[in-house]
Amino acid sequence: MPTRDDSAAGPRSCSLCVPAPHYFPVPSSLPSKETISTATSNLQALPRSRSAIPGTPGRMRLLSAVLVALSLFLTGVRGNHTSRTCIFQTLNDSDKGFCKGDLEVIYPNVGDVSCSYIPKCHGYRRQISRDWGSPHVRYAWAEKHKKYVLVMVDPDAPNRANPRHRYWRHWVVTDILGADLRVGKVKGRVLSGYVRPSPPPHSGYHRYQVRLYAQPAHEHISLSPEEDASLGSWDLKGFVDDFGLGYPVAKTQFLTKYYED
């Protein structure tokens, strides 16, 4: 049976033929603020597809625009879901009552944690327990030429229900100039080096209290050999009384717990 050479017949015309849809690549991610209207307007600059059916180009462009816009919208929703802002829960009235004097305790990334819980999101609890060094402590009302004593303790060691090792000493610095405190610098004589807040597993939330005292003029403050030998079960009241520190000029606290709990 003879065969037909289609190649010699020239281009064929067909009133019902529709070219394969032309798909445009969709970006894998866009800023979450990209809107459908922006995505649609961007399509106007794309090349048009040809079609033998009258009216098909408009319908194809509209369908492509809707599909691309829907894809961009869903991408934005996923982006918003994964980059949600951390919520800093404020303390209850009882714990909030401890905070006096607008003392700021500032850690990297998370900022001022005064009078709040450390959130678990973004790994903040792990970082405060394992990575970050001592915070900046700012007291805007400090007198420039006066000296201050900074104390940081955990009153909930080993847990809040049974704090038999209260107070656990985390940081003691004396001879801090008010001028430095105004800008968040803790520069002075370190009696007890900074120890990161590291609550034991399954011990619940621990309070980490930062207390600032006015240092009496010409007073040389130190820890006894017994105090220096151990961080736990520190007699904070005895320390304050021995050196006449009185009531803190400012104090605050933040709460955190074991980062995997």
Protein backbone atom coordinates (compact mmCIF):
# COMPACT_ATOMS: atom_id res chain seq x y z
CA MET A 1 0.00 0.00 0.00
CA PRO A 2 1.57 3.34 -0.95
CA THR A 3 2.58 5.66 1.89
CA ARG A 4 2.00 9.36 2.01
CA ASP A 5 4.91 11.71 2.41
CA ASP A 6 3.46 14.25 4.89
CA SER A 7 6.61 16.29 4.82
CA ALA A 8 5.97 17.25 1.22
CA ALA A 9 2.41 18.30 1.83
CA GLY A 10 3.38 21.55 3.55
CA PRO A 11 1.97 22.78 6.82
CA ARG A 12 -1.41 21.45 7.77
CA SER A 13 -4.23 23.67 8.99
CA CYS A 14 -6.75 22.51 11.56
CA SER A 15 -9.52 24.62 12.99
CA LEU A 16 -9.73 22.43 16.12
CA CYS A 17 -5.99 22.13 16.91
CA VAL A 18 -4.86 23.71 20.18
CA PRO A 19 -1.15 24.10 20.92
CA ALA A 20 0.25 22.52 24.11
CA PRO A 21 -0.07 24.89 27.05
CA HIS A 22 2.95 27.05 27.69
CA TYR A 23 3.97 26.78 31.36
CA PHE A 24 6.08 29.40 33.04
CA PRO A 25 8.40 28.51 35.96
CA VAL A 26 7.02 29.46 39.35
CA PRO A 27 9.51 30.79 41.89
CA SER A 28 10.05 28.38 44.78
CA SER A 29 9.80 31.18 47.32
CA LEU A 30 8.74 34.77 47.47
CA PRO A 31 8.45 37.24 50.31
CA SER A 32 5.25 36.62 52.21
CA LYS A 33 4.02 40.12 51.38
CA GLU A 34 3.79 39.33 47.63
CA THR A 35 0.15 39.66 46.64
CA ILE A 36 -2.01 38.02 43.99
CA SER A 37 -2.50 41.32 42.20
CA THR A 38 1.27 41.78 41.91
CA ALA A 39 1.69 38.24 40.60
CA THR A 40 -1.07 38.82 38.00
CA SER A 41 0.38 42.12 36.83
CA ASN A 42 3.79 40.51 36.40
CA LEU A 43 2.30 38.05 33.91
CA GLN A 44 1.42 40.83 31.48
CA ALA A 45 5.05 41.00 30.42
CA LEU A 46 5.24 37.30 29.51
CA PRO A 47 5.13 36.20 25.81
CA ARG A 48 1.71 35.21 24.46
CA SER A 49 0.87 31.73 23.17
CA ARG A 50 -0.60 31.33 19.69
CA SER A 51 -3.86 29.53 19.11
CA ALA A 52 -6.10 28.81 16.10
CA ILE A 53 -9.28 29.10 18.18
CA PRO A 54 -10.59 32.67 18.47
CA GLY A 55 -10.65 33.90 22.09
CA THR A 56 -8.37 31.09 23.40
CA PRO A 57 -5.29 33.29 24.07
CA GLY A 58 -7.22 35.40 26.59
CA ARG A 59 -8.61 32.33 28.35
CA MET A 60 -5.20 30.63 28.44
CA ARG A 61 -3.53 33.74 29.86
CA LEU A 62 -6.24 34.07 32.49
CA LEU A 63 -5.94 30.40 33.48
CA SER A 64 -2.13 30.66 33.68
CA ALA A 65 -2.40 33.83 35.75
CA VAL A 66 -4.81 32.19 38.22
CA LEU A 67 -2.59 29.09 38.59
CA VAL A 68 0.57 31.11 39.12
CA ALA A 69 -1.12 33.52 41.53
CA LEU A 70 -2.54 30.61 43.53
CA SER A 71 0.89 29.03 43.73
CA LEU A 72 2.43 32.32 44.94
CA PHE A 73 -0.32 32.74 47.51
CA LEU A 74 0.22 29.24 48.93
CA THR A 75 3.96 29.84 49.03
CA GLY A 76 3.35 33.02 51.03
CA VAL A 77 1.12 31.18 53.47
CA ARG A 78 3.79 28.54 54.04
CA GLY A 79 6.39 31.27 54.54
CA ASN A 80 4.24 33.00 57.12
CA HIS A 81 3.72 29.73 58.96
CA THR A 82 7.41 28.94 59.30
CA SER A 83 8.54 32.45 60.26
CA ARG A 84 6.02 33.26 62.94
CA THR A 85 7.14 35.79 65.52
CA CYS A 86 7.92 34.44 68.98
CA ILE A 87 5.42 35.38 71.64
CA PHE A 88 6.97 36.52 74.91
CA GLN A 89 4.62 35.54 77.70
CA THR A 90 4.58 38.00 80.58
CA LEU A 91 4.82 36.76 84.15
CA ASN A 92 1.85 36.26 86.42
CA ASP A 93 1.07 38.95 88.99
CA SER A 94 3.00 37.22 91.77
CA ASP A 95 6.23 36.88 89.79
CA LYS A 96 5.76 40.23 88.07
CA GLY A 97 5.69 41.94 91.47
CA PHE A 98 9.37 41.15 91.93
CA CYS A 99 10.39 43.41 89.04
CA LYS A 100 11.17 46.95 90.19
CA GLY A 101 13.17 49.86 88.82
CA ASP A 102 13.21 49.29 85.03
CA LEU A 103 16.30 47.08 85.03
CA GLU A 104 16.99 45.63 81.56
CA VAL A 105 18.70 42.27 80.96
CA ILE A 106 19.65 42.00 77.30
CA TYR A 107 20.77 38.81 75.52
CA PRO A 108 21.76 38.43 71.84
CA ASN A 109 18.92 37.92 69.32
CA VAL A 110 16.19 37.81 71.95
CA GLY A 111 16.69 41.30 73.44
CA ASP A 112 15.47 42.38 76.87
CA VAL A 113 14.13 39.39 78.82
CA SER A 114 13.17 41.27 81.97
CA CYS A 115 9.96 40.10 83.61
CA SER A 116 9.16 37.48 80.95
CA TYR A 117 9.41 33.80 80.08
CA ILE A 118 12.15 32.75 77.68
CA PRO A 119 10.28 31.29 74.67
CA LYS A 120 11.29 27.95 73.18
CA CYS A 121 10.93 29.12 69.57
CA HIS A 122 14.08 29.83 67.52
CA GLY A 123 16.04 27.77 70.06
CA TYR A 124 16.19 30.64 72.58
CA ARG A 125 16.05 28.36 75.64
CA ARG A 126 18.87 26.23 74.31
CA GLN A 127 20.97 29.25 73.41
CA ILE A 128 20.58 30.95 76.78
CA SER A 129 21.59 27.69 78.49
CA ARG A 130 24.44 26.63 76.19
CA ASP A 131 25.64 29.38 73.87
CA TRP A 132 25.19 32.95 75.04
CA GLY A 133 27.59 34.61 77.42
CA SER A 134 26.74 37.15 80.08
CA PRO A 135 24.00 39.63 79.16
CA HIS A 136 24.16 43.38 78.97
CA VAL A 137 22.49 44.89 82.01
CA ARG A 138 21.20 48.42 81.63
CA TYR A 139 19.94 50.73 84.35
CA ALA A 140 18.99 54.11 82.93
CA TRP A 141 18.62 55.70 86.38
CA ALA A 142 22.14 54.88 87.58
CA GLU A 143 24.15 57.78 89.00
CA LYS A 144 27.20 58.21 86.80
CA HIS A 145 29.86 58.40 89.51
CA LYS A 146 28.31 55.95 91.93
CA LYS A 147 29.31 52.29 92.20
CA TYR A 148 26.95 49.34 92.15
CA VAL A 149 26.89 45.63 92.96
CA LEU A 150 25.19 43.21 90.59
CA VAL A 151 23.94 39.81 91.76
CA MET A 152 22.26 37.08 89.70
CA VAL A 153 20.80 34.05 91.48
CA ASP A 154 18.43 31.10 91.02
CA PRO A 155 16.09 30.75 94.03
CA ASP A 156 14.55 27.55 92.62
CA ALA A 157 17.45 25.08 92.80
CA PRO A 158 16.91 22.23 92.20
CA ASN A 159 13.20 23.04 91.61
CA ARG A 160 10.65 25.57 92.75
CA ALA A 161 8.67 23.07 94.82
CA ASN A 162 11.73 22.06 96.86
CA PRO A 163 14.41 24.77 96.63
CA ARG A 164 16.83 23.17 99.10
CA HIS A 165 19.86 24.69 97.31
CA ARG A 166 18.54 28.26 97.29
CA TYR A 167 20.24 30.53 96.35
CA TRP A 168 22.30 29.23 93.45
CA ARG A 169 24.83 31.90 92.56
CA HIS A 170 25.13 32.73 88.85
CA TRP A 171 26.98 36.05 88.82
CA VAL A 172 28.37 38.61 91.28
CA VAL A 173 30.15 41.79 90.16
CA THR A 174 31.09 44.76 92.34
CA ASP A 175 32.48 48.25 91.66
CA ILE A 176 30.36 48.83 88.54
CA LEU A 177 30.24 52.50 87.63
CA GLY A 178 26.82 54.03 87.04
CA ALA A 179 28.06 55.54 83.78
CA ASP A 180 28.66 52.02 82.45
CA LEU A 181 25.31 50.71 83.69
CA ARG A 182 23.53 53.46 81.80
CA VAL A 183 24.76 51.96 78.54
CA GLY A 184 24.44 48.30 79.54
CA LYS A 185 28.09 47.55 80.37
CA VAL A 186 28.88 45.35 83.35
CA LYS A 187 32.49 46.33 84.06
CA GLY A 188 33.81 45.83 87.57
CA ARG A 189 35.41 43.35 89.94
CA VAL A 190 34.06 39.85 89.32
CA LEU A 191 33.56 37.90 92.54
CA SER A 192 31.65 35.07 90.91
CA GLY A 193 31.92 34.47 87.16
CA TYR A 194 28.84 34.26 85.00
CA VAL A 195 27.12 30.85 84.94
CA ARG A 196 24.50 30.28 82.25
CA PRO A 197 20.92 29.53 83.34
CA SER A 198 20.71 25.73 83.01
CA PRO A 199 17.68 24.24 84.76
CA PRO A 200 17.83 20.43 85.16
CA PRO A 201 15.49 18.32 83.00
CA HIS A 202 11.92 17.99 84.26
CA SER A 203 12.45 20.56 87.02
CA GLY A 204 9.94 23.06 85.63
CA TYR A 205 10.49 26.77 85.30
CA HIS A 206 13.26 28.42 87.30
CA ARG A 207 13.38 32.10 88.21
CA TYR A 208 16.62 33.87 87.42
CA GLN A 209 16.79 37.02 89.50
CA VAL A 210 19.04 39.96 88.77
CA ARG A 211 19.46 42.38 91.67
CA LEU A 212 21.30 45.69 91.60
CA TYR A 213 22.53 47.29 94.84
CA ALA A 214 24.11 50.65 95.52
CA GLN A 215 27.62 49.95 96.79
CA PRO A 216 28.53 51.79 100.00
CA ALA A 217 31.42 54.21 99.54
CA HIS A 218 34.86 52.77 100.30
CA GLU A 219 33.37 49.35 101.04
CA HIS A 220 35.53 46.43 99.92
CA ILE A 221 33.20 43.57 99.12
CA SER A 222 34.32 39.96 98.85
CA LEU A 223 33.20 36.36 99.20
CA SER A 224 34.42 34.20 102.06
CA PRO A 225 36.50 31.11 101.20
CA GLU A 226 33.48 28.95 102.06
CA GLU A 227 31.22 30.96 99.75
CA ASP A 228 33.78 30.90 96.98
CA ALA A 229 34.05 27.11 97.19
CA SER A 230 30.42 26.45 96.26
CA LEU A 231 27.75 28.08 94.09
CA GLY A 232 24.76 26.38 95.69
CA SER A 233 22.96 27.14 98.97
CA TRP A 234 24.43 30.64 99.05
CA ASP A 235 23.36 32.84 101.96
CA LEU A 236 22.36 35.88 99.92
CA LYS A 237 20.76 37.67 102.87
CA GLY A 238 23.93 37.20 104.94
CA PHE A 239 26.04 38.62 102.09
CA VAL A 240 23.77 41.66 101.76
CA ASP A 241 23.75 42.28 105.53
CA ASP A 242 27.52 41.83 105.96
CA PHE A 243 28.28 44.65 103.54
CA GLY A 244 25.32 46.90 104.28
CA LEU A 245 23.91 46.71 100.75
CA GLY A 246 20.33 47.23 101.90
CA TYR A 247 17.41 46.88 99.51
CA PRO A 248 18.12 46.63 95.75
CA VAL A 249 17.79 49.88 93.83
CA ALA A 250 16.45 47.80 90.94
CA LYS A 251 15.66 44.15 90.35
CA THR A 252 14.08 41.92 87.76
CA GLN A 253 13.76 38.27 86.83
CA PHE A 254 13.09 36.00 83.87
CA LEU A 255 11.87 32.42 83.80
CA THR A 256 13.12 29.52 81.74
CA LYS A 257 13.28 25.75 81.90
CA TYR A 258 15.27 22.88 80.41
CA TYR A 259 15.32 23.53 76.67
CA GLU A 260 14.10 20.05 75.67
CA ASP A 261 11.16 19.96 78.10
